[in-house]
C-alpha atoms as a PDB file:
ATOM      1  CA  MET A   1     -66.854  63.145 187.228  1.00  0.00           C
ATOM      2  CA  PRO A   2     -65.154  63.047 190.666  1.00  0.00           C
ATOM      3  CA  TYR A   3     -64.715  59.655 192.262  1.00  0.00           C
ATOM      4  CA  VAL A   4     -64.255  58.890 195.945  1.00  0.00           C
ATOM      5  CA  LYS A   5     -63.972  55.523 197.693  1.00  0.00           C
ATOM      6  CA  LEU A   6     -66.166  54.881 200.714  1.00  0.00           C
ATOM      7  CA  ASP A   7     -63.967  53.354 203.395  1.00  0.00           C
ATOM      8  CA  CYS A   8     -65.691  50.352 205.026  1.00  0.00           C
ATOM      9  CA  GLY A   9     -64.256  51.567 208.337  1.00  0.00           C
ATOM     10  CA  ILE A  10     -67.104  54.088 208.410  1.00  0.00           C
ATOM     11  CA  LEU A  11     -69.240  51.225 209.747  1.00  0.00           C
ATOM     12  CA  ASP A  12     -67.239  51.371 212.995  1.00  0.00           C
ATOM     13  CA  SER A  13     -67.215  55.154 213.286  1.00  0.00           C
ATOM     14  CA  SER A  14     -69.435  57.284 215.503  1.00  0.00           C
ATOM     15  CA  ILE A  15     -71.036  58.829 212.410  1.00  0.00           C
ATOM     16  CA  TRP A  16     -72.735  55.552 211.504  1.00  0.00           C
ATOM     17  CA  ILE A  17     -74.859  55.592 214.662  1.00  0.00           C
ATOM     18  CA  GLU A  18     -76.713  58.804 213.800  1.00  0.00           C
ATOM     19  CA  ARG A  19     -78.835  58.213 210.694  1.00  0.00           C
ATOM     20  CA  GLU A  20     -79.160  61.859 209.665  1.00  0.00           C
ATOM     21  CA  GLN A  21     -75.428  62.521 210.014  1.00  0.00           C
ATOM     22  CA  ARG A  22     -74.603  59.325 208.145  1.00  0.00           C
ATOM     23  CA  GLU A  23     -76.852  60.070 205.192  1.00  0.00           C
ATOM     24  CA  LEU A  24     -75.787  63.692 205.065  1.00  0.00           C
ATOM     25  CA  PHE A  25     -72.091  62.852 205.139  1.00  0.00           C
ATOM     26  CA  ILE A  26     -72.317  60.177 202.417  1.00  0.00           C
ATOM     27  CA  THR A  27     -74.295  62.619 200.273  1.00  0.00           C
ATOM     28  CA  ALA A  28     -71.630  65.258 200.872  1.00  0.00           C
ATOM     29  CA  LEU A  29     -68.913  62.827 199.745  1.00  0.00           C
ATOM     30  CA  LEU A  30     -70.791  62.209 196.505  1.00  0.00           C
ATOM     31  CA  MET A  31     -71.337  65.928 195.871  1.00  0.00           C
ATOM     32  CA  ALA A  32     -67.789  67.050 196.662  1.00  0.00           C
ATOM     33  CA  LYS A  33     -65.105  67.890 194.135  1.00  0.00           C
ATOM     34  CA  PRO A  34     -61.351  67.970 194.837  1.00  0.00           C
ATOM     35  CA  HIS A  35     -60.292  71.384 196.072  1.00  0.00           C
ATOM     36  CA  ASP A  36     -56.931  72.820 197.145  1.00  0.00           C
ATOM     37  CA  LEU A  37     -57.009  75.331 199.970  1.00  0.00           C
ATOM     38  CA  TYR A  38     -54.003  77.642 199.843  1.00  0.00           C
ATOM     39  CA  GLU A  39     -54.536  79.699 202.965  1.00  0.00           C
ATOM     40  CA  GLU A  40     -55.951  79.320 206.447  1.00  0.00           C
ATOM     41  CA  THR A  41     -59.735  79.646 206.138  1.00  0.00           C
ATOM     42  CA  PRO A  42     -62.239  80.296 208.935  1.00  0.00           C
ATOM     43  CA  GLN A  43     -65.201  78.006 209.526  1.00  0.00           C
ATOM     44  CA  ILE A  44     -68.651  79.625 209.409  1.00  0.00           C
ATOM     45  CA  GLU A  45     -71.687  78.424 211.356  1.00  0.00           C
ATOM     46  CA  PRO A  46     -74.280  76.610 209.156  1.00  0.00           C
ATOM     47  CA  ASP A  47     -77.216  78.780 210.279  1.00  0.00           C
ATOM     48  CA  SER A  48     -75.558  82.203 210.457  1.00  0.00           C
ATOM     49  CA  LEU A  49     -72.615  84.190 209.136  1.00  0.00           C
ATOM     50  CA  LYS A  50     -70.685  83.950 212.408  1.00  0.00           C
ATOM     51  CA  GLU A  51     -67.246  82.384 212.464  1.00  0.00           C
ATOM     52  CA  THR A  52     -66.831  79.492 214.894  1.00  0.00           C
ATOM     53  CA  GLY A  53     -63.189  80.187 215.747  1.00  0.00           C
ATOM     54  CA  PHE A  54     -61.931  77.042 213.996  1.00  0.00           C
ATOM     55  CA  LYS A  55     -59.689  77.564 210.997  1.00  0.00           C
ATOM     56  CA  VAL A  56     -59.108  75.038 208.225  1.00  0.00           C
ATOM     57  CA  GLN A  57     -55.437  74.700 207.402  1.00  0.00           C
ATOM     58  CA  PRO A  58     -54.148  74.759 203.807  1.00  0.00           C
ATOM     59  CA  GLY A  59     -54.431  71.375 202.162  1.00  0.00           C
ATOM     60  CA  GLU A  60     -56.466  69.154 199.849  1.00  0.00           C
ATOM     61  CA  TYR A  61     -60.184  68.798 200.594  1.00  0.00           C
ATOM     62  CA  GLY A  62     -63.505  68.115 198.931  1.00  0.00           C
ATOM     63  CA  LEU A  63     -65.586  71.218 198.161  1.00  0.00           C
ATOM     64  CA  ILE A  64     -69.369  71.254 197.829  1.00  0.00           C
ATOM     65  CA  GLU A  65     -70.447  74.471 196.159  1.00  0.00           C
ATOM     66  CA  ALA A  66     -73.914  74.446 197.668  1.00  0.00           C
ATOM     67  CA  ALA A  67     -75.816  75.888 200.593  1.00  0.00           C
ATOM     68  CA  GLY A  68     -76.492  73.715 203.609  1.00  0.00           C
ATOM     69  CA  VAL A  69     -80.156  73.333 202.725  1.00  0.00           C
ATOM     70  CA  GLY A  70     -79.126  72.125 199.281  1.00  0.00           C
ATOM     71  CA  ILE A  71     -77.028  69.308 200.749  1.00  0.00           C
ATOM     72  CA  VAL A  72     -79.846  68.446 203.163  1.00  0.00           C
ATOM     73  CA  ARG A  73     -82.339  68.301 200.293  1.00  0.00           C
ATOM     74  CA  ARG A  74     -80.072  66.037 198.225  1.00  0.00           C
ATOM     75  CA  ALA A  75     -79.754  63.728 201.242  1.00  0.00           C
ATOM     76  CA  GLY A  76     -83.555  63.430 201.395  1.00  0.00           C
ATOM     77  CA  LEU A  77     -83.771  64.782 204.941  1.00  0.00           C
ATOM     78  CA  GLU A  78     -86.201  67.160 206.574  1.00  0.00           C
ATOM     79  CA  LYS A  79     -84.746  70.660 206.825  1.00  0.00           C
ATOM     80  CA  LYS A  80     -84.721  70.874 210.644  1.00  0.00           C
ATOM     81  CA  GLU A  81     -83.138  67.475 211.244  1.00  0.00           C
ATOM     82  CA  GLY A  82     -80.771  67.959 208.328  1.00  0.00           C
ATOM     83  CA  MET A  83     -79.462  71.321 209.512  1.00  0.00           C
ATOM     84  CA  LEU A  84     -78.931  69.921 213.014  1.00  0.00           C
ATOM     85  CA  ALA A  85     -76.935  67.043 211.503  1.00  0.00           C
ATOM     86  CA  LEU A  86     -74.961  69.508 209.399  1.00  0.00           C
ATOM     87  CA  LYS A  87     -74.122  71.516 212.500  1.00  0.00           C
ATOM     88  CA  ALA A  88     -73.047  68.367 214.369  1.00  0.00           C
ATOM     89  CA  LEU A  89     -70.742  67.275 211.536  1.00  0.00           C
ATOM     90  CA  GLY A  90     -68.921  70.586 211.807  1.00  0.00           C
ATOM     91  CA  GLU A  91     -68.410  70.438 215.565  1.00  0.00           C
ATOM     92  CA  GLU A  92     -65.500  68.999 217.496  1.00  0.00           C
ATOM     93  CA  GLU A  93     -66.155  65.384 218.488  1.00  0.00           C
ATOM     94  CA  ALA A  94     -64.243  63.691 221.257  1.00  0.00           C
ATOM     95  CA  ASP A  95     -65.528  60.208 220.314  1.00  0.00           C
ATOM     96  CA  SER A  96     -64.317  60.371 216.723  1.00  0.00           C
ATOM     97  CA  ARG A  97     -61.772  57.707 215.738  1.00  0.00           C
ATOM     98  CA  SER A  98     -59.810  60.349 213.850  1.00  0.00           C
ATOM     99  CA  LYS A  99     -58.464  63.233 215.927  1.00  0.00           C
ATOM    100  CA  GLU A 100     -57.624  65.128 212.750  1.00  0.00           C
ATOM    101  CA  HIS A 101     -59.475  68.467 212.624  1.00  0.00           C
ATOM    102  CA  GLY A 102     -60.700  67.749 216.144  1.00  0.00           C
ATOM    103  CA  GLY A 103     -63.098  65.121 214.820  1.00  0.00           C
ATOM    104  CA  ARG A 104     -64.860  67.619 212.535  1.00  0.00           C
ATOM    105  CA  ARG A 105     -65.997  66.149 209.228  1.00  0.00           C
ATOM    106  CA  LEU A 106     -67.932  68.741 207.253  1.00  0.00           C
ATOM    107  CA  VAL A 107     -67.472  72.489 207.730  1.00  0.00           C
ATOM    108  CA  ARG A 108     -68.907  75.556 206.096  1.00  0.00           C
ATOM    109  CA  ILE A 109     -66.564  78.129 204.604  1.00  0.00           C
ATOM    110  CA  ASN A 110     -67.062  81.074 202.310  1.00  0.00           C
ATOM    111  CA  GLY A 111     -68.125  79.406 199.055  1.00  0.00           C
ATOM    112  CA  GLY A 112     -69.680  76.198 200.313  1.00  0.00           C
ATOM    113  CA  TYR A 113     -68.817  73.220 202.502  1.00  0.00           C
ATOM    114  CA  LEU A 114     -65.568  71.313 202.884  1.00  0.00           C
ATOM    115  CA  VAL A 115     -65.344  67.567 203.457  1.00  0.00           C
ATOM    116  CA  LEU A 116     -62.229  67.670 205.598  1.00  0.00           C
ATOM    117  CA  ASN A 117     -61.094  64.059 205.148  1.00  0.00           C
ATOM    118  CA  TYR A 118     -62.109  63.841 201.481  1.00  0.00           C
ATOM    119  CA  ALA A 119     -58.562  63.137 200.242  1.00  0.00           C
ATOM    120  CA  ARG A 120     -58.143  60.336 202.777  1.00  0.00           C
ATOM    121  CA  TYR A 121     -61.350  58.655 201.601  1.00  0.00           C
ATOM    122  CA  ARG A 122     -60.365  59.080 197.959  1.00  0.00           C
ATOM    123  CA  ASP A 123     -56.813  57.797 198.317  1.00  0.00           C
ATOM    124  CA  LYS A 124     -57.410  54.958 200.770  1.00  0.00           C
ATOM    125  CA  ASP A 125     -57.358  51.549 199.071  1.00  0.00           C
ATOM    126  CA  HIS A 126     -55.826  48.621 200.942  1.00  0.00           C
ATOM    127  CA  THR A 127     -56.129  46.326 197.920  1.00  0.00           C
ATOM    128  CA  ALA A 128     -54.216  48.576 195.498  1.00  0.00           C
ATOM    129  CA  PRO A 129     -50.703  47.100 196.091  1.00  0.00           C
ATOM    130  CA  LYS A 130     -51.992  43.543 195.631  1.00  0.00           C
ATOM    131  CA  ARG A 131     -53.949  44.459 192.502  1.00  0.00           C
ATOM    132  CA  GLN A 132     -50.953  46.269 191.056  1.00  0.00           C
ATOM    133  CA  GLU A 133     -48.717  43.271 191.735  1.00  0.00           C
ATOM    134  CA  ARG A 134     -51.196  40.882 190.088  1.00  0.00           C
ATOM    135  CA  PHE A 135     -51.411  43.213 187.105  1.00  0.00           C
ATOM    136  CA  ARG A 136     -47.609  43.374 186.872  1.00  0.00           C
ATOM    137  CA  VAL A 137     -47.302  39.578 186.995  1.00  0.00           C
ATOM    138  CA  ARG A 138     -49.958  39.128 184.293  1.00  0.00           C
ATOM    139  CA  THR A 139     -48.290  41.759 182.119  1.00  0.00           C
ATOM    140  CA  VAL A 140     -44.874  40.122 182.465  1.00  0.00           C
ATOM    141  CA  ALA A 141     -46.357  36.685 181.797  1.00  0.00           C
ATOM    142  CA  ARG A 142     -48.100  37.874 178.625  1.00  0.00           C
ATOM    143  CA  ALA A 143     -44.928  39.586 177.417  1.00  0.00           C
ATOM    144  CA  THR A 144     -42.854  36.464 178.164  1.00  0.00           C
ATOM    145  CA  VAL A 145     -45.225  34.188 176.261  1.00  0.00           C
ATOM    146  CA  THR A 146     -45.282  36.557 173.288  1.00  0.00           C
ATOM    147  CA  GLU A 147     -41.495  36.942 173.229  1.00  0.00           C
ATOM    148  CA  PHE A 148     -40.999  33.179 173.498  1.00  0.00           C
ATOM    149  CA  ALA A 149     -43.433  32.481 170.657  1.00  0.00           C
ATOM    150  CA  GLU A 150     -41.631  34.988 168.435  1.00  0.00           C
ATOM    151  CA  ALA A 151     -38.235  33.514 169.326  1.00  0.00           C
ATOM    152  CA  TRP A 152     -39.405  29.955 168.646  1.00  0.00           C
ATOM    153  CA  SER A 153     -40.733  30.963 165.236  1.00  0.00           C
ATOM    154  CA  GLU A 154     -37.306  32.400 164.358  1.00  0.00           C
ATOM    155  CA  ILE A 155     -35.495  29.280 165.617  1.00  0.00           C
ATOM    156  CA  GLU A 156     -37.859  26.973 163.737  1.00  0.00           C
ATOM    157  CA  ASN A 157     -37.326  28.909 160.490  1.00  0.00           C
ATOM    158  CA  PHE A 158     -33.564  29.041 161.074  1.00  0.00           C
ATOM    159  CA  TYR A 159     -33.404  25.245 160.748  1.00  0.00           C
ATOM    160  CA  GLY A 160     -35.823  25.235 157.848  1.00  0.00           C
ATOM    161  CA  ARG A 161     -38.358  23.389 159.995  1.00  0.00           C
ATOM    162  CA  PHE A 162     -36.042  20.392 160.130  1.00  0.00           C
ATOM    163  CA  CYS A 163     -34.355  18.679 163.071  1.00  0.00           C
ATOM    164  CA  ALA A 164     -31.476  20.753 164.435  1.00  0.00           C
ATOM    165  CA  PHE A 165     -29.402  17.604 165.116  1.00  0.00           C
ATOM    166  CA  CYS A 166     -29.675  15.590 161.905  1.00  0.00           C
ATOM    167  CA  GLY A 167     -30.954  18.255 159.538  1.00  0.00           C
ATOM    168  CA  LYS A 168     -32.782  15.557 157.528  1.00  0.00           C
ATOM    169  CA  ARG A 169     -36.140  14.946 159.136  1.00  0.00           C
ATOM    170  CA  PRO A 170     -38.908  17.503 159.883  1.00  0.00           C
ATOM    171  CA  TRP A 171     -38.985  18.477 163.515  1.00  0.00           C
ATOM    172  CA  THR A 172     -41.690  16.982 165.726  1.00  0.00           C
ATOM    173  CA  GLU A 173     -40.516  17.894 169.235  1.00  0.00           C
ATOM    174  CA  ILE A 174     -38.852  20.670 171.166  1.00  0.00           C
ATOM    175  CA  GLY A 175     -35.404  19.563 172.256  1.00  0.00           C
ATOM    176  CA  TYR A 176     -33.388  20.955 175.162  1.00  0.00           C
ATOM    177  CA  LEU A 177     -29.629  21.427 174.889  1.00  0.00           C
ATOM    178  CA  LYS A 178     -29.174  21.322 178.661  1.00  0.00           C
ATOM    179  CA  THR A 179     -31.332  19.586 181.260  1.00  0.00           C
ATOM    180  CA  GLN A 180     -32.717  21.302 184.347  1.00  0.00           C
ATOM    181  CA  SER A 181     -29.902  19.786 186.427  1.00  0.00           C
ATOM    182  CA  GLN A 182     -27.425  21.389 184.014  1.00  0.00           C
ATOM    183  CA  ASN A 183     -29.017  24.793 184.516  1.00  0.00           C
ATOM    184  CA  GLY A 184     -31.095  24.459 181.392  1.00  0.00           C
ATOM    185  CA  GLY A 185     -34.682  25.599 181.042  1.00  0.00           C
ATOM    186  CA  HIS A 186     -37.492  26.567 178.723  1.00  0.00           C
ATOM    187  CA  ARG A 187     -35.589  29.514 177.256  1.00  0.00           C
ATOM    188  CA  PRO A 188     -34.831  30.462 173.636  1.00  0.00           C
ATOM    189  CA  ASP A 189     -31.095  29.869 174.167  1.00  0.00           C
ATOM    190  CA  ASN A 190     -31.719  26.275 175.294  1.00  0.00           C
ATOM    191  CA  ILE A 191     -34.241  24.951 172.793  1.00  0.00           C
ATOM    192  CA  VAL A 192     -34.064  23.573 169.267  1.00  0.00           C
ATOM    193  CA  PRO A 193     -36.485  21.739 166.978  1.00  0.00           C
ATOM    194  CA  THR A 194     -35.783  17.993 166.887  1.00  0.00           C
ATOM    195  CA  CYS A 195     -37.158  14.835 165.360  1.00  0.00           C
ATOM    196  CA  SER A 196     -38.289  12.144 167.795  1.00  0.00           C
ATOM    197  CA  GLY A 197     -35.445   9.836 166.776  1.00  0.00           C
ATOM    198  CA  CYS A 198     -32.658  12.312 167.546  1.00  0.00           C
ATOM    199  CA  ASN A 199     -34.349  13.529 170.697  1.00  0.00           C
ATOM    200  CA  GLU A 200     -34.517   9.977 172.050  1.00  0.00           C
ATOM    201  CA  ALA A 201     -31.051   8.930 170.871  1.00  0.00           C
ATOM    202  CA  LEU A 202     -29.314  11.959 172.389  1.00  0.00           C
ATOM    203  CA  LYS A 203     -30.796  11.641 175.894  1.00  0.00           C
ATOM    204  CA  GLY A 204     -28.007  12.173 178.404  1.00  0.00           C
ATOM    205  CA  ALA A 205     -25.482  12.886 175.645  1.00  0.00           C
ATOM    206  CA  ASP A 206     -23.718  16.081 174.662  1.00  0.00           C
ATOM    207  CA  ARG A 207     -26.431  17.681 172.576  1.00  0.00           C
ATOM    208  CA  LYS A 208     -24.962  19.983 169.962  1.00  0.00           C
ATOM    209  CA  PRO A 209     -26.961  21.039 166.916  1.00  0.00           C
ATOM    210  CA  ILE A 210     -25.417  21.055 163.463  1.00  0.00           C
ATOM    211  CA  LYS A 211     -25.321  24.862 163.692  1.00  0.00           C
ATOM    212  CA  ASN A 212     -26.086  27.378 166.406  1.00  0.00           C
ATOM    213  CA  HIS A 213     -29.197  29.499 166.024  1.00  0.00           C
ATOM    214  CA  PRO A 214     -29.105  33.278 166.779  1.00  0.00           C
ATOM    215  CA  TYR A 215     -30.334  32.891 170.393  1.00  0.00           C
ATOM    216  CA  MET A 216     -27.460  30.580 171.411  1.00  0.00           C
END
């Protein structure tokens, strides 16, 4: 099913003032399907077969394969008021915020009606970059946690679950080979399993395990 975002900026547009035009246009957005126009196409008047003189340029639009009265009916409007609103949406509008297509929004062509700024409504999403960045950060964080857990399991098994410094007592703490001031950190190449005695005794000393694990 097609999906199109409704830009909140429509609240500040001239279309929002006229109820019939507003309801008709929102209905048209919901009915439209993505459509590529490959050649210049003339606009047809809603209530006759006459061309208006305006031509839609090739591009990406939203196509409603329905007659004008069908769109009006779906919008829940009376036929007379609805057709007048349909005609107005296809006319040039000097007060429109967007000068694209001369302010026209919905035009009739052979085969139905085109929502001229359909692609702009569909693609516009100010929050997308922020959401994508948050998703990227969460993905990296999850991957980092998983990788670290796997690395720690290997390191722990490498020392047989004993202290990496004395090799005699079961490990009880995570020991760091270098401190933060020495450019150390919570990374696989800087951690070893230790017993509390060795970890305390080797504070500030040159901390070298009895053997180097694979991540060192």
